């Protein structure tokens, strides 16, 4: 068989091979370990705000998910989020949330269903650890979401790294706004949670891939573990 005939057949076979679509997944905070307590008086009461941004479209989609606060956290102690039973009715979820910190996924942005990440450069995840004192954690979540929305709207023409830098700065600014007195909440650290193509390649149905991050500030140090789970 002539070489050109073999080449044409190989090209036809290659054309029929489709690239596997990205697998839907969820990402959520699984655990938070206190390595060093903050400088605040008494045991820590940390909470985490994760700002998730889908920048694949012209108008970014944004959600901020709150985990915690946990009370009476001492050095060496690990706090975890509670798994939500599959297909749990909202009434059960509401009941569980009265006493537990639930493992709501911050990806996708509905806090419920798995969603694929076609291009990790088109998503931004920013995690902020805060020590809760007299502040209103729900109000702070709202302030952070407003700051993130404005930040991404004002940086549409900028490259991704600039947008991430501005987003973190604006979130840090929002975290400085008092939401309660006399003892204001104290931000520990705000960091980008980077999800890479290598991370996505490890996703399989029902399998967990974890990413660990340290948060240092306000005299304290914490280690957070985020779980990526394939659907």
Protein backbone atom coordinates (compact mmCIF):
# COMPACT_ATOMS: atom_id res chain seq x y z
CA UNK A 1 0.00 0.00 0.00
CA UNK A 2 1.47 3.37 -0.98
CA UNK A 3 2.63 5.63 1.82
CA UNK A 4 0.17 8.38 0.91
CA UNK A 5 -2.76 5.92 1.19
CA UNK A 6 -1.62 4.84 4.66
CA UNK A 7 -1.27 8.48 5.66
CA UNK A 8 -4.81 9.31 4.51
CA UNK A 9 -6.27 6.38 6.44
CA UNK A 10 -4.37 7.46 9.57
CA UNK A 11 -5.74 10.98 9.18
CA UNK A 12 -9.31 9.67 8.93
CA UNK A 13 -8.88 7.57 12.07
CA UNK A 14 -7.39 10.50 13.95
CA UNK A 15 -10.25 12.75 12.90
CA UNK A 16 -12.76 10.31 14.40
CA UNK A 17 -11.03 10.33 17.76
CA UNK A 18 -12.65 13.04 19.86
CA UNK A 19 -11.11 14.64 22.88
CA UNK A 20 -12.90 13.56 26.05
CA UNK A 21 -14.99 16.42 27.43
CA UNK A 22 -14.02 17.80 30.84
CA UNK A 23 -15.65 15.90 33.67
CA UNK A 24 -18.14 17.66 35.95
CA UNK A 25 -16.84 18.13 39.48
CA UNK A 26 -17.51 19.87 42.75
CA UNK A 27 -15.00 21.71 44.93
CA UNK A 28 -15.56 22.38 48.62
CA UNK A 29 -13.72 23.02 51.87
CA UNK A 30 -13.26 19.70 53.71
CA UNK A 31 -11.24 20.65 56.78
CA UNK A 32 -9.48 23.44 58.63
CA UNK A 33 -6.68 22.73 61.13
CA UNK A 34 -5.38 25.27 63.62
CA UNK A 35 -1.58 25.12 63.68
CA UNK A 36 -1.15 28.32 65.69
CA UNK A 37 -3.93 30.34 67.31
CA UNK A 38 -4.34 33.99 66.38
CA UNK A 39 -3.46 36.83 68.75
CA UNK A 40 -7.10 37.27 69.74
CA UNK A 41 -8.11 36.79 73.39
CA UNK A 42 -9.54 33.32 74.04
CA UNK A 43 -10.04 30.47 71.58
CA UNK A 44 -10.35 31.22 67.88
CA UNK A 45 -13.63 31.29 65.96
CA UNK A 46 -12.52 31.09 62.32
CA UNK A 47 -14.62 31.10 59.19
CA UNK A 48 -13.78 30.82 55.51
CA UNK A 49 -15.20 32.80 52.59
CA UNK A 50 -14.53 31.36 49.13
CA UNK A 51 -15.13 33.65 46.17
CA UNK A 52 -15.69 31.61 43.02
CA UNK A 53 -15.67 33.36 39.65
CA UNK A 54 -16.49 32.02 36.21
CA UNK A 55 -14.88 34.46 33.76
CA UNK A 56 -15.49 32.42 30.60
CA UNK A 57 -18.27 34.76 29.47
CA UNK A 58 -18.38 38.46 28.81
CA UNK A 59 -20.11 39.03 32.14
CA UNK A 60 -18.41 37.15 35.02
CA UNK A 61 -20.53 34.89 37.22
CA UNK A 62 -19.67 35.15 40.93
CA UNK A 63 -20.66 33.47 44.16
CA UNK A 64 -19.25 33.68 47.68
CA UNK A 65 -19.65 30.63 49.92
CA UNK A 66 -19.21 30.81 53.68
CA UNK A 67 -17.93 27.96 55.86
CA UNK A 68 -18.26 28.49 59.60
CA UNK A 69 -17.62 30.08 61.94
CA UNK A 70 -16.42 27.28 64.16
CA UNK A 71 -16.31 28.05 67.88
CA UNK A 72 -13.63 27.36 70.51
CA UNK A 73 -10.86 26.32 68.13
CA UNK A 74 -7.54 25.63 69.84
CA UNK A 75 -4.05 24.86 68.57
CA UNK A 76 -3.85 21.38 67.05
CA UNK A 77 -7.60 21.10 66.56
CA UNK A 78 -9.12 20.20 63.19
CA UNK A 79 -12.62 21.22 62.18
CA UNK A 80 -14.41 19.56 59.28
CA UNK A 81 -17.42 20.27 57.12
CA UNK A 82 -20.30 17.80 57.05
CA UNK A 83 -21.26 15.96 53.87
CA UNK A 84 -24.75 16.67 52.59
CA UNK A 85 -26.67 13.46 51.80
CA UNK A 86 -27.32 12.98 48.06
CA UNK A 87 -30.69 14.35 46.94
CA UNK A 88 -31.35 15.68 50.45
CA UNK A 89 -34.49 17.84 50.63
CA UNK A 90 -33.98 21.48 51.50
CA UNK A 91 -35.77 20.99 54.83
CA UNK A 92 -33.12 18.45 55.89
CA UNK A 93 -30.28 20.69 54.72
CA UNK A 94 -31.72 23.59 56.68
CA UNK A 95 -32.02 21.39 59.78
CA UNK A 96 -28.43 20.13 59.47
CA UNK A 97 -27.13 23.67 59.08
CA UNK A 98 -28.45 24.57 62.53
CA UNK A 99 -25.67 22.58 64.21
CA UNK A 100 -23.19 21.68 61.47
CA UNK A 101 -20.97 23.48 58.97
CA UNK A 102 -22.06 21.89 55.71
CA UNK A 103 -19.82 20.98 52.78
CA UNK A 104 -21.60 23.10 50.21
CA UNK A 105 -19.61 23.09 46.96
CA UNK A 106 -18.42 26.50 45.87
CA UNK A 107 -18.07 25.13 42.34
CA UNK A 108 -20.48 25.20 40.58
CA UNK A 109 -21.93 28.55 41.50
CA UNK A 110 -25.34 27.21 42.54
CA UNK A 111 -23.68 25.54 45.57
CA UNK A 112 -25.34 22.26 44.59
CA UNK A 113 -24.50 20.53 41.33
CA UNK A 114 -21.26 19.47 39.72
CA UNK A 115 -19.96 21.49 36.79
CA UNK A 116 -17.07 20.98 34.42
CA UNK A 117 -14.09 23.32 34.16
CA UNK A 118 -13.24 23.46 30.47
CA UNK A 119 -10.32 25.84 30.99
CA UNK A 120 -8.78 26.45 34.44
CA UNK A 121 -7.65 29.89 33.22
CA UNK A 122 -11.32 30.87 32.97
CA UNK A 123 -12.10 30.35 36.65
CA UNK A 124 -10.80 32.18 39.70
CA UNK A 125 -11.09 30.93 43.27
CA UNK A 126 -10.08 33.19 46.15
CA UNK A 127 -10.22 31.90 49.74
CA UNK A 128 -10.28 34.25 52.73
CA UNK A 129 -9.82 33.07 56.31
CA UNK A 130 -11.26 35.36 58.98
CA UNK A 131 -11.29 35.30 62.77
CA UNK A 132 -14.83 36.02 63.96
CA UNK A 133 -15.41 38.25 66.97
CA UNK A 134 -18.47 40.51 67.03
CA UNK A 135 -18.82 40.76 63.27
CA UNK A 136 -21.81 39.60 61.23
CA UNK A 137 -20.54 36.79 58.98
CA UNK A 138 -23.54 36.97 56.65
CA UNK A 139 -23.05 40.70 56.16
CA UNK A 140 -19.36 40.16 55.47
CA UNK A 141 -20.18 37.58 52.82
CA UNK A 142 -22.42 40.13 51.11
CA UNK A 143 -19.72 42.81 51.25
CA UNK A 144 -17.12 40.48 49.75
CA UNK A 145 -19.47 39.47 46.92
CA UNK A 146 -20.18 43.11 46.11
CA UNK A 147 -16.47 43.92 46.10
CA UNK A 148 -15.67 40.94 43.86
CA UNK A 149 -18.44 41.83 41.42
CA UNK A 150 -17.20 45.41 41.11
CA UNK A 151 -13.58 44.32 40.84
CA UNK A 152 -14.13 41.92 37.95
CA UNK A 153 -16.44 44.35 36.15
CA UNK A 154 -13.75 47.03 36.30
CA UNK A 155 -10.96 44.76 35.06
CA UNK A 156 -12.57 43.17 32.01
CA UNK A 157 -9.81 44.28 29.65
CA UNK A 158 -6.96 43.20 31.91
CA UNK A 159 -5.00 39.91 31.70
CA UNK A 160 -5.93 37.21 34.18
CA UNK A 161 -3.03 37.73 36.58
CA UNK A 162 -3.89 41.43 36.91
CA UNK A 163 -7.55 40.62 37.49
CA UNK A 164 -6.65 38.12 40.21
CA UNK A 165 -4.35 40.61 41.92
CA UNK A 166 -7.01 43.33 41.87
CA UNK A 167 -9.68 40.90 43.03
CA UNK A 168 -7.63 39.83 46.07
CA UNK A 169 -6.89 43.45 46.94
CA UNK A 170 -10.56 44.42 46.73
CA UNK A 171 -11.62 41.44 48.83
CA UNK A 172 -9.02 42.36 51.45
CA UNK A 173 -10.45 45.87 51.49
CA UNK A 174 -13.99 44.56 52.00
CA UNK A 175 -12.84 42.38 54.88
CA UNK A 176 -11.66 45.49 56.71
CA UNK A 177 -15.19 46.92 56.86
CA UNK A 178 -16.64 46.54 60.39
CA UNK A 179 -19.85 44.52 60.57
CA UNK A 180 -20.14 44.46 64.36
CA UNK A 181 -18.74 46.08 67.48
CA UNK A 182 -16.94 46.57 69.76
CA UNK A 183 -14.57 43.76 68.71
CA UNK A 184 -14.20 43.74 64.93
CA UNK A 185 -13.52 40.57 62.93
CA UNK A 186 -9.86 40.09 61.96
CA UNK A 187 -8.83 38.83 58.50
CA UNK A 188 -6.11 36.19 58.64
CA UNK A 189 -5.17 35.87 54.96
CA UNK A 190 -6.69 35.99 51.47
CA UNK A 191 -5.16 33.69 48.85
CA UNK A 192 -5.92 32.38 45.38
CA UNK A 193 -6.80 28.70 45.29
CA UNK A 194 -5.23 27.60 42.03
CA UNK A 195 -6.77 24.69 40.12
CA UNK A 196 -4.49 23.47 37.34
CA UNK A 197 -4.90 21.23 34.32
CA UNK A 198 -2.91 18.61 36.24
CA UNK A 199 -5.48 18.75 39.06
CA UNK A 200 -8.35 18.35 36.60
CA UNK A 201 -6.63 15.36 34.98
CA UNK A 202 -6.90 13.51 38.31
CA UNK A 203 -10.69 13.83 38.45
CA UNK A 204 -12.61 10.56 38.13
CA UNK A 205 -16.21 9.63 39.00
CA UNK A 206 -16.64 9.53 42.77
CA UNK A 207 -12.92 10.00 43.36
CA UNK A 208 -11.46 12.73 45.54
CA UNK A 209 -8.46 14.90 44.79
CA UNK A 210 -7.40 17.28 47.54
CA UNK A 211 -5.53 20.57 47.55
CA UNK A 212 -3.97 21.89 50.77
CA UNK A 213 -3.27 25.54 51.57
CA UNK A 214 -1.83 27.40 54.56
CA UNK A 215 -3.28 30.69 55.82
CA UNK A 216 -1.01 32.86 57.95
CA UNK A 217 -1.84 36.16 59.63
CA UNK A 218 -3.10 37.92 62.75
CA UNK A 219 -0.52 35.86 64.67
CA UNK A 220 -2.10 32.57 63.63
CA UNK A 221 -1.60 29.79 61.11
CA UNK A 222 -4.18 27.39 59.68
CA UNK A 223 -4.09 24.57 57.14
CA UNK A 224 -7.13 24.16 54.90
CA UNK A 225 -7.93 21.16 52.70
CA UNK A 226 -10.19 21.56 49.66
CA UNK A 227 -11.73 18.52 47.99
CA UNK A 228 -12.35 18.14 44.26
CA UNK A 229 -14.76 15.29 43.56
CA UNK A 230 -15.69 13.99 40.12
CA UNK A 231 -19.34 13.42 39.30
